[in-house]
Amino acid sequence: MLKATEKTVYHSLLRILICVFALLLVFDSGLLVDSTSALSDQTQRYMASVVGVSVGVAPTEVNQLTARITELESELEAKERLIAVSVRDNNQKPAFDKSTFLLSIILFILLVLIVLNYALDYLRQRRPTILYNENKTELA
């Protein structure tokens, strides 16, 4: 007898994945609340900036002054970039969001796989099966 396809672990896992990716897509795209999209973008930028390597040398007066100058220059560059981004954002439409596009593609692929799986299960159940009796040893 065929097992009900709706109750397998595979189907349950697919349903859970669809729900998770759909909720993640709604969160990342800012479909309901715009602040979730901004939060997602800021989180991605933070994660990208956190990853790095640091190397140190013995502190001397010249090293400390050079480090302070470099720190001030980086702060100045960050402020300039922030000003440039805010000016650009005010003048242009929003940029293409890669993470939303990627999540949409993954969600679409999962939906196609589920529909294909149910269609193939339906076709397999409609096909008549031949029962084989293992106890029969006679040759006709």
Protein backbone atom coordinates (compact mmCIF):
# COMPACT_ATOMS: atom_id res chain seq x y z
CA MET A 1 0.00 0.00 0.00
CA LEU A 2 1.26 3.48 -0.86
CA LYS A 3 2.15 5.80 1.95
CA ALA A 4 0.33 9.14 1.98
CA THR A 5 2.74 11.61 0.38
CA GLU A 6 1.49 14.55 2.41
CA LYS A 7 2.79 13.08 5.68
CA THR A 8 6.40 12.34 4.83
CA VAL A 9 9.31 14.11 6.47
CA TYR A 10 10.46 15.36 3.08
CA HIS A 11 7.20 17.19 2.43
CA SER A 12 7.16 18.63 5.93
CA LEU A 13 10.71 19.90 5.47
CA LEU A 14 9.81 21.49 2.12
CA ARG A 15 6.81 23.24 3.64
CA ILE A 16 8.92 24.58 6.51
CA LEU A 17 11.60 25.81 4.08
CA ILE A 18 8.99 27.59 1.97
CA CYS A 19 7.56 29.34 5.04
CA VAL A 20 10.99 30.36 6.34
CA PHE A 21 12.15 31.73 2.98
CA ALA A 22 8.83 33.52 2.42
CA LEU A 23 9.04 35.22 5.82
CA LEU A 24 12.70 36.05 5.27
CA LEU A 25 11.85 37.53 1.88
CA VAL A 26 9.05 39.67 3.34
CA PHE A 27 11.41 40.84 6.10
CA ASP A 28 14.34 41.55 3.78
CA SER A 29 12.31 43.32 1.10
CA GLY A 30 10.59 45.66 3.55
CA LEU A 31 7.22 44.75 2.06
CA LEU A 32 5.29 45.35 5.28
CA VAL A 33 7.57 47.81 7.10
CA ASP A 34 10.36 49.80 5.43
CA SER A 35 12.50 49.73 8.55
CA THR A 36 13.05 45.95 8.20
CA SER A 37 14.68 46.48 4.81
CA ALA A 38 16.95 49.17 6.25
CA LEU A 39 17.78 46.90 9.18
CA SER A 40 18.68 44.08 6.80
CA ASP A 41 20.90 46.33 4.69
CA GLN A 42 22.68 47.73 7.75
CA THR A 43 23.22 44.23 9.12
CA GLN A 44 24.76 43.08 5.84
CA ARG A 45 27.07 46.11 5.73
CA TYR A 46 28.07 45.57 9.36
CA MET A 47 28.86 41.90 8.77
CA ALA A 48 30.94 42.84 5.73
CA SER A 49 32.91 45.43 7.67
CA VAL A 50 33.51 43.23 10.73
CA VAL A 51 35.35 40.52 8.82
CA GLY A 52 39.05 41.35 8.71
CA VAL A 53 42.54 40.72 10.01
CA SER A 54 44.62 42.90 12.31
CA VAL A 55 48.40 43.00 12.66
CA GLY A 56 50.30 44.90 15.35
CA VAL A 57 53.79 46.30 15.85
CA ALA A 58 55.59 47.54 18.93
CA PRO A 59 54.21 50.99 19.90
CA THR A 60 56.51 53.95 19.44
CA GLU A 61 55.82 57.67 19.34
CA VAL A 62 55.99 57.75 15.54
CA ASN A 63 53.72 54.71 15.26
CA GLN A 64 51.17 56.27 17.60
CA LEU A 65 51.14 59.56 15.68
CA THR A 66 50.86 57.72 12.37
CA ALA A 67 48.03 55.59 13.75
CA ARG A 68 46.19 58.71 14.97
CA ILE A 69 46.59 60.44 11.60
CA THR A 70 45.36 57.32 9.81
CA GLU A 71 42.40 57.10 12.20
CA LEU A 72 41.46 60.74 11.58
CA GLU A 73 41.78 60.28 7.82
CA SER A 74 39.54 57.21 7.91
CA GLU A 75 36.95 59.11 9.96
CA LEU A 76 37.06 61.95 7.45
CA GLU A 77 36.66 59.53 4.52
CA ALA A 78 33.74 57.83 6.29
CA LYS A 79 32.01 61.18 6.80
CA GLU A 80 32.62 62.11 3.16
CA ARG A 81 31.16 58.79 2.01
CA LEU A 82 28.15 59.28 4.27
CA ILE A 83 27.54 62.73 2.82
CA ALA A 84 27.98 61.43 -0.73
CA VAL A 85 25.58 58.54 -0.10
CA SER A 86 22.93 60.79 1.46
CA VAL A 87 23.18 63.23 -1.45
CA ARG A 88 23.01 60.38 -3.97
CA ASP A 89 20.05 58.78 -2.16
CA ASN A 90 18.15 62.04 -2.25
CA ASN A 91 18.73 62.42 -6.00
CA GLN A 92 18.27 58.84 -7.24
CA LYS A 93 15.75 56.06 -6.93
CA PRO A 94 16.59 53.13 -4.60
CA ALA A 95 19.34 50.77 -5.78
CA PHE A 96 18.76 47.18 -6.80
CA ASP A 97 18.61 44.94 -3.72
CA LYS A 98 20.54 41.74 -4.42
CA SER A 99 19.47 39.91 -1.27
CA THR A 100 15.77 40.33 -2.03
CA PHE A 101 16.33 39.12 -5.57
CA LEU A 102 18.29 36.08 -4.35
CA LEU A 103 15.64 35.17 -1.78
CA SER A 104 12.94 35.52 -4.44
CA ILE A 105 14.80 33.13 -6.73
CA ILE A 106 15.27 30.57 -3.93
CA LEU A 107 11.59 30.80 -2.98
CA PHE A 108 10.54 30.36 -6.61
CA ILE A 109 12.79 27.30 -7.02
CA LEU A 110 11.36 25.73 -3.87
CA LEU A 111 7.81 26.32 -5.08
CA VAL A 112 8.61 24.76 -8.47
CA LEU A 113 10.13 21.72 -6.75
CA ILE A 114 7.05 21.25 -4.56
CA VAL A 115 4.64 21.53 -7.51
CA LEU A 116 6.78 19.15 -9.56
CA ASN A 117 6.96 16.68 -6.69
CA TYR A 118 3.19 16.65 -6.18
CA ALA A 119 2.59 16.30 -9.93
CA LEU A 120 4.95 13.34 -10.20
CA ASP A 121 3.43 11.70 -7.10
CA TYR A 122 -0.03 12.13 -8.63
CA LEU A 123 1.05 10.56 -11.92
CA ARG A 124 2.75 7.68 -10.13
CA GLN A 125 -0.36 6.92 -8.06
CA ARG A 126 -2.58 6.88 -11.16
CA ARG A 127 -0.37 4.29 -12.90
CA PRO A 128 -1.56 0.72 -12.24
CA THR A 129 0.92 -1.39 -10.32
CA ILE A 130 1.60 -5.08 -10.92
CA LEU A 131 1.66 -7.15 -7.77
CA TYR A 132 4.40 -9.75 -7.59
CA ASN A 133 3.92 -12.80 -5.44
CA GLU A 134 7.25 -13.92 -3.97
CA ASN A 135 5.83 -17.22 -2.64
CA LYS A 136 5.02 -18.55 -6.10
CA THR A 137 7.85 -20.73 -7.40
CA GLU A 138 6.05 -22.47 -10.26
CA LEU A 139 7.19 -21.95 -13.78
CA ALA A 140 4.39 -21.95 -16.32
